[in-house]
Amino acid sequence: MLVIRREQLKVFENERWEQFLRKVIARARVDMPEVLEGKTDDELLALLRSATPKVRSMGFLVTAHITRFCLLVLRLGADPVDDPLLAPVIRDRELSAAVKIDTLERMASR
């Protein structure tokens, strides 16, 4: 009988998350090369790792919304939670994920 332990699943989950973040970085390099110019993948990966651990608690559950949030983080070069203008939107539990990410992108582009 095959037994998969929780620790093994966590390793697999972490590896898949890393692959996802690397794909986001690859996409960002195509979509916004000027923003990422001079930054290494390791630097960008570290930024995403620090900004995304609580992405689900922010209301982002769908891959498309998580991807857009990650791209926003890369565009800003910082975690939007640390931005005094963007943080209230992120914390607003009454906003749907779609409205939240649309609002964040609009606000960040100003």
PDB file of N, CA and C in Angstrom:
ATOM      1  N   MET A   1       0.835  -1.169   0.000  1.00  0.00           N
ATOM      2  CA  MET A   1       0.000   0.000   0.000  1.00  0.00           C
ATOM      3  C   MET A   1       0.891   1.247   0.000  1.00  0.00           C
ATOM      4  N   LEU A   2       0.548   2.192  -0.832  1.00  0.00           N
ATOM      5  CA  LEU A   2       1.273   3.455  -0.925  1.00  0.00           C
ATOM      6  C   LEU A   2       0.726   4.418   0.121  1.00  0.00           C
ATOM      7  N   VAL A   3       1.632   4.971   0.913  1.00  0.00           N
ATOM      8  CA  VAL A   3       1.245   5.937   1.933  1.00  0.00           C
ATOM      9  C   VAL A   3       1.998   7.238   1.655  1.00  0.00           C
ATOM     10  N   ILE A   4       1.242   8.300   1.488  1.00  0.00           N
ATOM     11  CA  ILE A   4       1.840   9.615   1.274  1.00  0.00           C
ATOM     12  C   ILE A   4       1.611  10.432   2.539  1.00  0.00           C
ATOM     13  N   ARG A   5       2.703  10.864   3.113  1.00  0.00           N
ATOM     14  CA  ARG A   5       2.611  11.633   4.343  1.00  0.00           C
ATOM     15  C   ARG A   5       2.440  13.118   4.054  1.00  0.00           C
ATOM     16  N   ARG A   6       1.935  13.813   5.043  1.00  0.00           N
ATOM     17  CA  ARG A   6       1.696  15.255   4.940  1.00  0.00           C
ATOM     18  C   ARG A   6       2.974  16.002   4.543  1.00  0.00           C
ATOM     19  N   GLU A   7       4.106  15.595   5.092  1.00  0.00           N
ATOM     20  CA  GLU A   7       5.376  16.257   4.775  1.00  0.00           C
ATOM     21  C   GLU A   7       5.717  16.115   3.291  1.00  0.00           C
ATOM     22  N   GLN A   8       5.414  14.941   2.733  1.00  0.00           N
ATOM     23  CA  GLN A   8       5.680  14.714   1.315  1.00  0.00           C
ATOM     24  C   GLN A   8       4.784  15.596   0.452  1.00  0.00           C
ATOM     25  N   LEU A   9       3.540  15.717   0.837  1.00  0.00           N
ATOM     26  CA  LEU A   9       2.628  16.586   0.095  1.00  0.00           C
ATOM     27  C   LEU A   9       3.070  18.039   0.162  1.00  0.00           C
ATOM     28  N   LYS A  10       3.571  18.472   1.311  1.00  0.00           N
ATOM     29  CA  LYS A  10       4.036  19.851   1.477  1.00  0.00           C
ATOM     30  C   LYS A  10       5.215  20.137   0.548  1.00  0.00           C
ATOM     31  N   VAL A  11       6.117  19.181   0.426  1.00  0.00           N
ATOM     32  CA  VAL A  11       7.266  19.340  -0.480  1.00  0.00           C
ATOM     33  C   VAL A  11       6.777  19.482  -1.916  1.00  0.00           C
ATOM     34  N   PHE A  12       5.843  18.643  -2.307  1.00  0.00           N
ATOM     35  CA  PHE A  12       5.281  18.711  -3.651  1.00  0.00           C
ATOM     36  C   PHE A  12       4.571  20.048  -3.872  1.00  0.00           C
ATOM     37  N   GLU A  13       3.780  20.467  -2.905  1.00  0.00           N
ATOM     38  CA  GLU A  13       3.062  21.734  -3.008  1.00  0.00           C
ATOM     39  C   GLU A  13       4.036  22.905  -3.155  1.00  0.00           C
ATOM     40  N   ASN A  14       5.086  22.911  -2.348  1.00  0.00           N
ATOM     41  CA  ASN A  14       6.083  23.990  -2.428  1.00  0.00           C
ATOM     42  C   ASN A  14       6.772  24.021  -3.784  1.00  0.00           C
ATOM     43  N   GLU A  15       7.081  22.861  -4.318  1.00  0.00           N
ATOM     44  CA  GLU A  15       7.728  22.794  -5.635  1.00  0.00           C
ATOM     45  C   GLU A  15       6.807  23.327  -6.727  1.00  0.00           C
ATOM     46  N   ARG A  16       5.546  22.981  -6.670  1.00  0.00           N
ATOM     47  CA  ARG A  16       4.574  23.485  -7.659  1.00  0.00           C
ATOM     48  C   ARG A  16       4.425  25.004  -7.540  1.00  0.00           C
ATOM     49  N   TRP A  17       4.431  25.514  -6.319  1.00  0.00           N
ATOM     50  CA  TRP A  17       4.319  26.961  -6.106  1.00  0.00           C
ATOM     51  C   TRP A  17       5.529  27.676  -6.703  1.00  0.00           C
ATOM     52  N   GLU A  18       6.724  27.119  -6.486  1.00  0.00           N
ATOM     53  CA  GLU A  18       7.937  27.698  -7.057  1.00  0.00           C
ATOM     54  C   GLU A  18       7.865  27.711  -8.586  1.00  0.00           C
ATOM     55  N   GLN A  19       7.372  26.630  -9.179  1.00  0.00           N
ATOM     56  CA  GLN A  19       7.218  26.567 -10.635  1.00  0.00           C
ATOM     57  C   GLN A  19       6.251  27.647 -11.116  1.00  0.00           C
ATOM     58  N   PHE A  20       5.167  27.813 -10.383  1.00  0.00           N
ATOM     59  CA  PHE A  20       4.184  28.840 -10.726  1.00  0.00           C
ATOM     60  C   PHE A  20       4.835  30.229 -10.690  1.00  0.00           C
ATOM     61  N   LEU A  21       5.555  30.529  -9.620  1.00  0.00           N
ATOM     62  CA  LEU A  21       6.195  31.842  -9.498  1.00  0.00           C
ATOM     63  C   LEU A  21       7.217  32.066 -10.606  1.00  0.00           C
ATOM     64  N   ARG A  22       7.950  31.040 -10.976  1.00  0.00           N
ATOM     65  CA  ARG A  22       8.928  31.164 -12.067  1.00  0.00           C
ATOM     66  C   ARG A  22       8.233  31.437 -13.408  1.00  0.00           C
ATOM     67  N   LYS A  23       7.060  30.837 -13.609  1.00  0.00           N
ATOM     68  CA  LYS A  23       6.292  31.105 -14.832  1.00  0.00           C
ATOM     69  C   LYS A  23       5.790  32.546 -14.854  1.00  0.00           C
ATOM     70  N   VAL A  24       5.399  33.050 -13.709  1.00  0.00           N
ATOM     71  CA  VAL A  24       4.969  34.446 -13.628  1.00  0.00           C
ATOM     72  C   VAL A  24       6.130  35.374 -13.974  1.00  0.00           C
ATOM     73  N   ILE A  25       7.300  35.070 -13.463  1.00  0.00           N
ATOM     74  CA  ILE A  25       8.480  35.884 -13.770  1.00  0.00           C
ATOM     75  C   ILE A  25       8.798  35.843 -15.257  1.00  0.00           C
ATOM     76  N   ALA A  26       8.723  34.669 -15.860  1.00  0.00           N
ATOM     77  CA  ALA A  26       8.978  34.540 -17.298  1.00  0.00           C
ATOM     78  C   ALA A  26       7.973  35.376 -18.089  1.00  0.00           C
ATOM     79  N   ARG A  27       6.726  35.324 -17.692  1.00  0.00           N
ATOM     80  CA  ARG A  27       5.700  36.126 -18.371  1.00  0.00           C
ATOM     81  C   ARG A  27       5.970  37.613 -18.188  1.00  0.00           C
ATOM     82  N   ALA A  28       6.348  38.013 -16.983  1.00  0.00           N
ATOM     83  CA  ALA A  28       6.625  39.422 -16.711  1.00  0.00           C
ATOM     84  C   ALA A  28       7.806  39.920 -17.533  1.00  0.00           C
ATOM     85  N   ARG A  29       8.793  39.059 -17.742  1.00  0.00           N
ATOM     86  CA  ARG A  29       9.951  39.461 -18.554  1.00  0.00           C
ATOM     87  C   ARG A  29       9.540  39.774 -19.993  1.00  0.00           C
ATOM     88  N   VAL A  30       8.497  39.110 -20.472  1.00  0.00           N
ATOM     89  CA  VAL A  30       7.984  39.374 -21.821  1.00  0.00           C
ATOM     90  C   VAL A  30       7.064  40.601 -21.813  1.00  0.00           C
ATOM     91  N   ASP A  31       6.169  40.669 -20.833  1.00  0.00           N
ATOM     92  CA  ASP A  31       5.149  41.726 -20.784  1.00  0.00           C
ATOM     93  C   ASP A  31       5.682  43.083 -20.349  1.00  0.00           C
ATOM     94  N   MET A  32       6.675  43.109 -19.473  1.00  0.00           N
ATOM     95  CA  MET A  32       7.182  44.390 -18.964  1.00  0.00           C
ATOM     96  C   MET A  32       8.697  44.334 -18.747  1.00  0.00           C
ATOM     97  N   PRO A  33       9.442  44.129 -19.819  1.00  0.00           N
ATOM     98  CA  PRO A  33      10.901  43.978 -19.681  1.00  0.00           C
ATOM     99  C   PRO A  33      11.583  45.204 -19.091  1.00  0.00           C
ATOM    100  N   GLU A  34      11.067  46.385 -19.381  1.00  0.00           N
ATOM    101  CA  GLU A  34      11.693  47.609 -18.879  1.00  0.00           C
ATOM    102  C   GLU A  34      11.606  47.719 -17.351  1.00  0.00           C
ATOM    103  N   VAL A  35      10.549  47.183 -16.782  1.00  0.00           N
ATOM    104  CA  VAL A  35      10.371  47.226 -15.321  1.00  0.00           C
ATOM    105  C   VAL A  35      11.330  46.270 -14.619  1.00  0.00           C
ATOM    106  N   LEU A  36      11.616  45.146 -15.259  1.00  0.00           N
ATOM    107  CA  LEU A  36      12.444  44.118 -14.634  1.00  0.00           C
ATOM    108  C   LEU A  36      13.909  44.189 -15.051  1.00  0.00           C
ATOM    109  N   GLU A  37      14.231  45.146 -15.880  1.00  0.00           N
ATOM    110  CA  GLU A  37      15.589  45.273 -16.385  1.00  0.00           C
ATOM    111  C   GLU A  37      16.592  45.397 -15.234  1.00  0.00           C
ATOM    112  N   GLY A  38      17.643  44.608 -15.307  1.00  0.00           N
ATOM    113  CA  GLY A  38      18.698  44.652 -14.306  1.00  0.00           C
ATOM    114  C   GLY A  38      18.414  43.830 -13.061  1.00  0.00           C
ATOM    115  N   LYS A  39      17.250  43.187 -12.992  1.00  0.00           N
ATOM    116  CA  LYS A  39      16.901  42.379 -11.824  1.00  0.00           C
ATOM    117  C   LYS A  39      17.035  40.902 -12.185  1.00  0.00           C
ATOM    118  N   THR A  40      17.615  40.141 -11.292  1.00  0.00           N
ATOM    119  CA  THR A  40      17.790  38.713 -11.539  1.00  0.00           C
ATOM    120  C   THR A  40      16.508  37.957 -11.191  1.00  0.00           C
ATOM    121  N   ASP A  41      16.401  36.764 -11.739  1.00  0.00           N
ATOM    122  CA  ASP A  41      15.259  35.925 -11.397  1.00  0.00           C
ATOM    123  C   ASP A  41      15.231  35.612  -9.903  1.00  0.00           C
ATOM    124  N   ASP A  42      16.399  35.429  -9.305  1.00  0.00           N
ATOM    125  CA  ASP A  42      16.451  35.140  -7.875  1.00  0.00           C
ATOM    126  C   ASP A  42      15.921  36.317  -7.050  1.00  0.00           C
ATOM    127  N   GLU A  43      16.253  37.534  -7.450  1.00  0.00           N
ATOM    128  CA  GLU A  43      15.730  38.719  -6.754  1.00  0.00           C
ATOM    129  C   GLU A  43      14.211  38.806  -6.894  1.00  0.00           C
ATOM    130  N   LEU A  44      13.724  38.566  -8.093  1.00  0.00           N
ATOM    131  CA  LEU A  44      12.289  38.628  -8.337  1.00  0.00           C
ATOM    132  C   LEU A  44      11.549  37.514  -7.603  1.00  0.00           C
ATOM    133  N   LEU A  45      12.158  36.350  -7.583  1.00  0.00           N
ATOM    134  CA  LEU A  45      11.563  35.220  -6.869  1.00  0.00           C
ATOM    135  C   LEU A  45      11.487  35.519  -5.374  1.00  0.00           C
ATOM    136  N   ALA A  46      12.519  36.116  -4.826  1.00  0.00           N
ATOM    137  CA  ALA A  46      12.515  36.489  -3.405  1.00  0.00           C
ATOM    138  C   ALA A  46      11.417  37.503  -3.111  1.00  0.00           C
ATOM    139  N   LEU A  47      11.234  38.457  -3.999  1.00  0.00           N
ATOM    140  CA  LEU A  47      10.168  39.447  -3.839  1.00  0.00           C
ATOM    141  C   LEU A  47       8.799  38.772  -3.833  1.00  0.00           C
ATOM    142  N   LEU A  48       8.578  37.874  -4.789  1.00  0.00           N
ATOM    143  CA  LEU A  48       7.291  37.181  -4.847  1.00  0.00           C
ATOM    144  C   LEU A  48       7.083  36.277  -3.641  1.00  0.00           C
ATOM    145  N   ARG A  49       8.134  35.613  -3.216  1.00  0.00           N
ATOM    146  CA  ARG A  49       8.009  34.749  -2.031  1.00  0.00           C
ATOM    147  C   ARG A  49       7.587  35.547  -0.804  1.00  0.00           C
ATOM    148  N   SER A  50       8.116  36.745  -0.669  1.00  0.00           N
ATOM    149  CA  SER A  50       7.789  37.544   0.515  1.00  0.00           C
ATOM    150  C   SER A  50       6.397  38.164   0.424  1.00  0.00           C
ATOM    151  N   ALA A  51       5.905  38.389  -0.778  1.00  0.00           N
ATOM    152  CA  ALA A  51       4.613  39.073  -0.951  1.00  0.00           C
ATOM    153  C   ALA A  51       3.425  38.129  -1.065  1.00  0.00           C
ATOM    154  N   THR A  52       3.670  36.849  -1.284  1.00  0.00           N
ATOM    155  CA  THR A  52       2.544  35.958  -1.591  1.00  0.00           C
ATOM    156  C   THR A  52       2.147  34.919  -0.549  1.00  0.00           C
ATOM    157  N   PRO A  53       2.799  34.812   0.585  1.00  0.00           N
ATOM    158  CA  PRO A  53       2.395  33.740   1.503  1.00  0.00           C
ATOM    159  C   PRO A  53       0.940  33.820   1.959  1.00  0.00           C
ATOM    160  N   LYS A  54       0.397  35.015   2.029  1.00  0.00           N
ATOM    161  CA  LYS A  54      -0.974  35.180   2.516  1.00  0.00           C
ATOM    162  C   LYS A  54      -1.940  35.544   1.394  1.00  0.00           C
ATOM    163  N   VAL A  55      -1.589  35.178   0.183  1.00  0.00           N
ATOM    164  CA  VAL A  55      -2.400  35.571  -0.970  1.00  0.00           C
ATOM    165  C   VAL A  55      -3.844  35.059  -0.852  1.00  0.00           C
ATOM    166  N   ARG A  56      -4.023  33.887  -0.302  1.00  0.00           N
ATOM    167  CA  ARG A  56      -5.376  33.344  -0.138  1.00  0.00           C
ATOM    168  C   ARG A  56      -6.179  34.135   0.880  1.00  0.00           C
ATOM    169  N   SER A  57      -5.537  34.541   1.965  1.00  0.00           N
ATOM    170  CA  SER A  57      -6.258  35.310   2.975  1.00  0.00           C
ATOM    171  C   SER A  57      -6.628  36.701   2.465  1.00  0.00           C
ATOM    172  N   MET A  58      -5.969  37.141   1.393  1.00  0.00           N
ATOM    173  CA  MET A  58      -6.328  38.409   0.756  1.00  0.00           C
ATOM    174  C   MET A  58      -7.564  38.258  -0.128  1.00  0.00           C
ATOM    175  N   GLY A  59      -7.983  37.022  -0.350  1.00  0.00           N
ATOM    176  CA  GLY A  59      -9.161  36.765  -1.166  1.00  0.00           C
ATOM    177  C   GLY A  59      -8.854  36.254  -2.557  1.00  0.00           C
ATOM    178  N   PHE A  60      -7.578  36.096  -2.896  1.00  0.00           N
ATOM    179  CA  PHE A  60      -7.202  35.631  -4.226  1.00  0.00           C
ATOM    180  C   PHE A  60      -7.083  34.108  -4.215  1.00  0.00           C
ATOM    181  N   LEU A  61      -8.053  33.451  -4.833  1.00  0.00           N
ATOM    182  CA  LEU A  61      -8.087  31.993  -4.847  1.00  0.00           C
ATOM    183  C   LEU A  61      -7.942  31.416  -6.245  1.00  0.00           C
ATOM    184  N   VAL A  62      -8.288  32.193  -7.239  1.00  0.00           N
ATOM    185  CA  VAL A  62      -8.263  31.747  -8.633  1.00  0.00           C
ATOM    186  C   VAL A  62      -6.882  32.059  -9.218  1.00  0.00           C
ATOM    187  N   THR A  63      -6.362  31.142  -9.993  1.00  0.00           N
ATOM    188  CA  THR A  63      -5.018  31.300 -10.564  1.00  0.00           C
ATOM    189  C   THR A  63      -4.854  32.626 -11.305  1.00  0.00           C
ATOM    190  N   ALA A  64      -5.857  33.023 -12.063  1.00  0.00           N
ATOM    191  CA  ALA A  64      -5.758  34.279 -12.822  1.00  0.00           C
ATOM    192  C   ALA A  64      -5.585  35.479 -11.897  1.00  0.00           C
ATOM    193  N   HIS A  65      -6.288  35.501 -10.784  1.00  0.00           N
ATOM    194  CA  HIS A  65      -6.167  36.622  -9.842  1.00  0.00           C
ATOM    195  C   HIS A  65      -4.812  36.596  -9.128  1.00  0.00           C
ATOM    196  N   ILE A  66      -4.356  35.409  -8.786  1.00  0.00           N
ATOM    197  CA  ILE A  66      -3.046  35.283  -8.132  1.00  0.00           C
ATOM    198  C   ILE A  66      -1.945  35.719  -9.088  1.00  0.00           C
ATOM    199  N   THR A  67      -2.068  35.337 -10.346  1.00  0.00           N
ATOM    200  CA  THR A  67      -1.093  35.746 -11.359  1.00  0.00           C
ATOM    201  C   THR A  67      -1.063  37.263 -11.485  1.00  0.00           C
ATOM    202  N   ARG A  68      -2.234  37.875 -11.572  1.00  0.00           N
ATOM    203  CA  ARG A  68      -2.298  39.335 -11.688  1.00  0.00           C
ATOM    204  C   ARG A  68      -1.715  40.019 -10.454  1.00  0.00           C
ATOM    205  N   PHE A  69      -1.965  39.446  -9.275  1.00  0.00           N
ATOM    206  CA  PHE A  69      -1.389  40.009  -8.060  1.00  0.00           C
ATOM    207  C   PHE A  69       0.138  39.925  -8.117  1.00  0.00           C
ATOM    208  N   CYS A  70       0.661  38.784  -8.529  1.00  0.00           N
ATOM    209  CA  CYS A  70       2.117  38.616  -8.642  1.00  0.00           C
ATOM    210  C   CYS A  70       2.709  39.599  -9.647  1.00  0.00           C
ATOM    211  N   LEU A  71       2.051  39.791 -10.764  1.00  0.00           N
ATOM    212  CA  LEU A  71       2.531  40.749 -11.758  1.00  0.00           C
ATOM    213  C   LEU A  71       2.512  42.167 -11.198  1.00  0.00           C
ATOM    214  N   LEU A  72       1.508  42.470 -10.393  1.00  0.00           N
ATOM    215  CA  LEU A  72       1.443  43.777  -9.742  1.00  0.00           C
ATOM    216  C   LEU A  72       2.622  43.959  -8.790  1.00  0.00           C
ATOM    217  N   VAL A  73       2.924  42.939  -8.018  1.00  0.00           N
ATOM    218  CA  VAL A  73       4.067  42.980  -7.100  1.00  0.00           C
ATOM    219  C   VAL A  73       5.349  43.244  -7.883  1.00  0.00           C
ATOM    220  N   LEU A  74       5.527  42.547  -8.991  1.00  0.00           N
ATOM    221  CA  LEU A  74       6.731  42.738  -9.796  1.00  0.00           C
ATOM    222  C   LEU A  74       6.784  44.135 -10.403  1.00  0.00           C
ATOM    223  N   ARG A  75       5.639  44.631 -10.850  1.00  0.00           N
ATOM    224  CA  ARG A  75       5.590  45.976 -11.438  1.00  0.00           C
ATOM    225  C   ARG A  75       5.939  47.029 -10.387  1.00  0.00           C
ATOM    226  N   LEU A  76       5.415  46.859  -9.176  1.00  0.00           N
ATOM    227  CA  LEU A  76       5.685  47.814  -8.099  1.00  0.00           C
ATOM    228  C   LEU A  76       7.087  47.650  -7.516  1.00  0.00           C
ATOM    229  N   GLY A  77       7.606  46.423  -7.600  1.00  0.00           N
ATOM    230  CA  GLY A  77       8.896  46.143  -6.981  1.00  0.00           C
ATOM    231  C   GLY A  77       8.800  46.054  -5.472  1.00  0.00           C
ATOM    232  N   ALA A  78       7.572  45.888  -4.982  1.00  0.00           N
ATOM    233  CA  ALA A  78       7.333  45.838  -3.534  1.00  0.00           C
ATOM    234  C   ALA A  78       5.992  45.164  -3.268  1.00  0.00           C
ATOM    235  N   ASP A  79       5.812  44.760  -2.043  1.00  0.00           N
ATOM    236  CA  ASP A  79       4.553  44.165  -1.623  1.00  0.00           C
ATOM    237  C   ASP A  79       3.510  45.280  -1.487  1.00  0.00           C
ATOM    238  N   PRO A  80       2.383  45.195  -2.199  1.00  0.00           N
ATOM    239  CA  PRO A  80       1.363  46.231  -2.112  1.00  0.00           C
ATOM    240  C   PRO A  80       0.773  46.391  -0.710  1.00  0.00           C
ATOM    241  N   VAL A  81       0.928  45.388   0.133  1.00  0.00           N
ATOM    242  CA  VAL A  81       0.447  45.485   1.510  1.00  0.00           C
ATOM    243  C   VAL A  81       1.191  46.586   2.256  1.00  0.00           C
ATOM    244  N   ASP A  82       2.413  46.875   1.818  1.00  0.00           N
ATOM    245  CA  ASP A  82       3.217  47.916   2.458  1.00  0.00           C
ATOM    246  C   ASP A  82       2.902  49.317   1.937  1.00  0.00           C
ATOM    247  N   ASP A  83       2.086  49.410   0.905  1.00  0.00           N
ATOM    248  CA  ASP A  83       1.733  50.704   0.317  1.00  0.00           C
ATOM    249  C   ASP A  83       0.512  51.270   1.049  1.00  0.00           C
ATOM    250  N   PRO A  84       0.615  52.460   1.621  1.00  0.00           N
ATOM    251  CA  PRO A  84      -0.501  53.003   2.400  1.00  0.00           C
ATOM    252  C   PRO A  84      -1.769  53.251   1.580  1.00  0.00           C
ATOM    253  N   LEU A  85      -1.635  53.432   0.279  1.00  0.00           N
ATOM    254  CA  LEU A  85      -2.820  53.632  -0.562  1.00  0.00           C
ATOM    255  C   LEU A  85      -3.452  52.312  -1.002  1.00  0.00           C
ATOM    256  N   LEU A  86      -2.635  51.294  -1.235  1.00  0.00           N
ATOM    257  CA  LEU A  86      -3.138  50.014  -1.733  1.00  0.00           C
ATOM    258  C   LEU A  86      -3.567  49.061  -0.616  1.00  0.00           C
ATOM    259  N   ALA A  87      -2.929  49.160   0.528  1.00  0.00           N
ATOM    260  CA  ALA A  87      -3.211  48.230   1.635  1.00  0.00           C
ATOM    261  C   ALA A  87      -4.687  48.184   2.036  1.00  0.00           C
ATOM    262  N   PRO A  88      -5.392  49.325   2.127  1.00  0.00           N
ATOM    263  CA  PRO A  88      -6.806  49.245   2.514  1.00  0.00           C
ATOM    264  C   PRO A  88      -7.653  48.438   1.523  1.00  0.00           C
ATOM    265  N   VAL A  89      -7.303  48.500   0.260  1.00  0.00           N
ATOM    266  CA  VAL A  89      -8.035  47.723  -0.749  1.00  0.00           C
ATOM    267  C   VAL A  89      -7.790  46.240  -0.520  1.00  0.00           C
ATOM    268  N   ILE A  90      -6.554  45.883  -0.263  1.00  0.00           N
ATOM    269  CA  ILE A  90      -6.200  44.480  -0.032  1.00  0.00           C
ATOM    270  C   ILE A  90      -6.927  43.932   1.193  1.00  0.00           C
ATOM    271  N   ARG A  91      -7.028  44.747   2.224  1.00  0.00           N
ATOM    272  CA  ARG A  91      -7.658  44.284   3.471  1.00  0.00           C
ATOM    273  C   ARG A  91      -9.181  44.309   3.438  1.00  0.00           C
ATOM    274  N   ASP A  92      -9.772  44.941   2.446  1.00  0.00           N
ATOM    275  CA  ASP A  92     -11.227  45.068   2.374  1.00  0.00           C
ATOM    276  C   ASP A  92     -11.865  43.714   2.064  1.00  0.00           C
ATOM    277  N   ARG A  93     -12.480  43.113   3.050  1.00  0.00           N
ATOM    278  CA  ARG A  93     -13.088  41.781   2.910  1.00  0.00           C
ATOM    279  C   ARG A  93     -14.403  41.817   2.129  1.00  0.00           C
ATOM    280  N   GLU A  94     -14.959  42.988   1.929  1.00  0.00           N
ATOM    281  CA  GLU A  94     -16.225  43.087   1.207  1.00  0.00           C
ATOM    282  C   GLU A  94     -16.041  43.100  -0.308  1.00  0.00           C
ATOM    283  N   LEU A  95     -14.829  43.358  -0.765  1.00  0.00           N
ATOM    284  CA  LEU A  95     -14.560  43.374  -2.202  1.00  0.00           C
ATOM    285  C   LEU A  95     -14.289  41.962  -2.697  1.00  0.00           C
ATOM    286  N   SER A  96     -14.853  41.629  -3.843  1.00  0.00           N
ATOM    287  CA  SER A  96     -14.528  40.342  -4.458  1.00  0.00           C
ATOM    288  C   SER A  96     -13.091  40.403  -4.976  1.00  0.00           C
ATOM    289  N   ALA A  97     -12.509  39.256  -5.209  1.00  0.00           N
ATOM    290  CA  ALA A  97     -11.133  39.202  -5.704  1.00  0.00           C
ATOM    291  C   ALA A  97     -11.001  39.934  -7.037  1.00  0.00           C
ATOM    292  N   ALA A  98     -11.975  39.771  -7.914  1.00  0.00           N
ATOM    293  CA  ALA A  98     -11.917  40.415  -9.232  1.00  0.00           C
ATOM    294  C   ALA A  98     -11.938  41.938  -9.096  1.00  0.00           C
ATOM    295  N   VAL A  99     -12.817  42.441  -8.265  1.00  0.00           N
ATOM    296  CA  VAL A  99     -12.898  43.892  -8.057  1.00  0.00           C
ATOM    297  C   VAL A  99     -11.630  44.386  -7.370  1.00  0.00           C
ATOM    298  N   LYS A 100     -11.151  43.617  -6.415  1.00  0.00           N
ATOM    299  CA  LYS A 100      -9.953  43.999  -5.666  1.00  0.00           C
ATOM    300  C   LYS A 100      -8.746  44.122  -6.593  1.00  0.00           C
ATOM    301  N   ILE A 101      -8.502  43.122  -7.438  1.00  0.00           N
ATOM    302  CA  ILE A 101      -7.323  43.177  -8.302  1.00  0.00           C
ATOM    303  C   ILE A 101      -7.480  44.239  -9.375  1.00  0.00           C
ATOM    304  N   ASP A 102      -8.702  44.433  -9.893  1.00  0.00           N
ATOM    305  CA  ASP A 102      -8.946  45.514 -10.858  1.00  0.00           C
ATOM    306  C   ASP A 102      -8.621  46.869 -10.235  1.00  0.00           C
ATOM    307  N   THR A 103      -9.087  47.071  -9.017  1.00  0.00           N
ATOM    308  CA  THR A 103      -8.852  48.330  -8.308  1.00  0.00           C
ATOM    309  C   THR A 103      -7.372  48.541  -8.030  1.00  0.00           C
ATOM    310  N   LEU A 104      -6.702  47.509  -7.563  1.00  0.00           N
ATOM    311  CA  LEU A 104      -5.270  47.617  -7.288  1.00  0.00           C
ATOM    312  C   LEU A 104      -4.480  47.974  -8.541  1.00  0.00           C
ATOM    313  N   GLU A 105      -4.811  47.329  -9.641  1.00  0.00           N
ATOM    314  CA  GLU A 105      -4.090  47.627 -10.899  1.00  0.00           C
ATOM    315  C   GLU A 105      -4.348  49.067 -11.357  1.00  0.00           C
ATOM    316  N   ARG A 106      -5.575  49.509 -11.239  1.00  0.00           N
ATOM    317  CA  ARG A 106      -5.891  50.899 -11.617  1.00  0.00           C
ATOM    318  C   ARG A 106      -5.138  51.883 -10.736  1.00  0.00           C
ATOM    319  N   MET A 107      -5.170  51.651  -9.446  1.00  0.00           N
ATOM    320  CA  MET A 107      -4.509  52.558  -8.518  1.00  0.00           C
ATOM    321  C   MET A 107      -2.991  52.567  -8.721  1.00  0.00           C
ATOM    322  N   ALA A 108      -2.416  51.431  -8.990  1.00  0.00           N
ATOM    323  CA  ALA A 108      -0.966  51.325  -9.167  1.00  0.00           C
ATOM    324  C   ALA A 108      -0.489  51.966 -10.476  1.00  0.00           C
ATOM    325  N   SER A 109      -1.380  52.063 -11.447  1.00  0.00           N
ATOM    326  CA  SER A 109      -0.978  52.617 -12.740  1.00  0.00           C
ATOM    327  C   SER A 109      -0.996  54.141 -12.744  1.00  0.00           C
ATOM    328  N   ARG A 110      -1.466  54.745 -11.672  1.00  0.00           N
ATOM    329  CA  ARG A 110      -1.507  56.222 -11.606  1.00  0.00           C
ATOM    330  C   ARG A 110      -0.181  56.799 -11.239  1.00  0.00           C
TER     331      ARG A 110
END
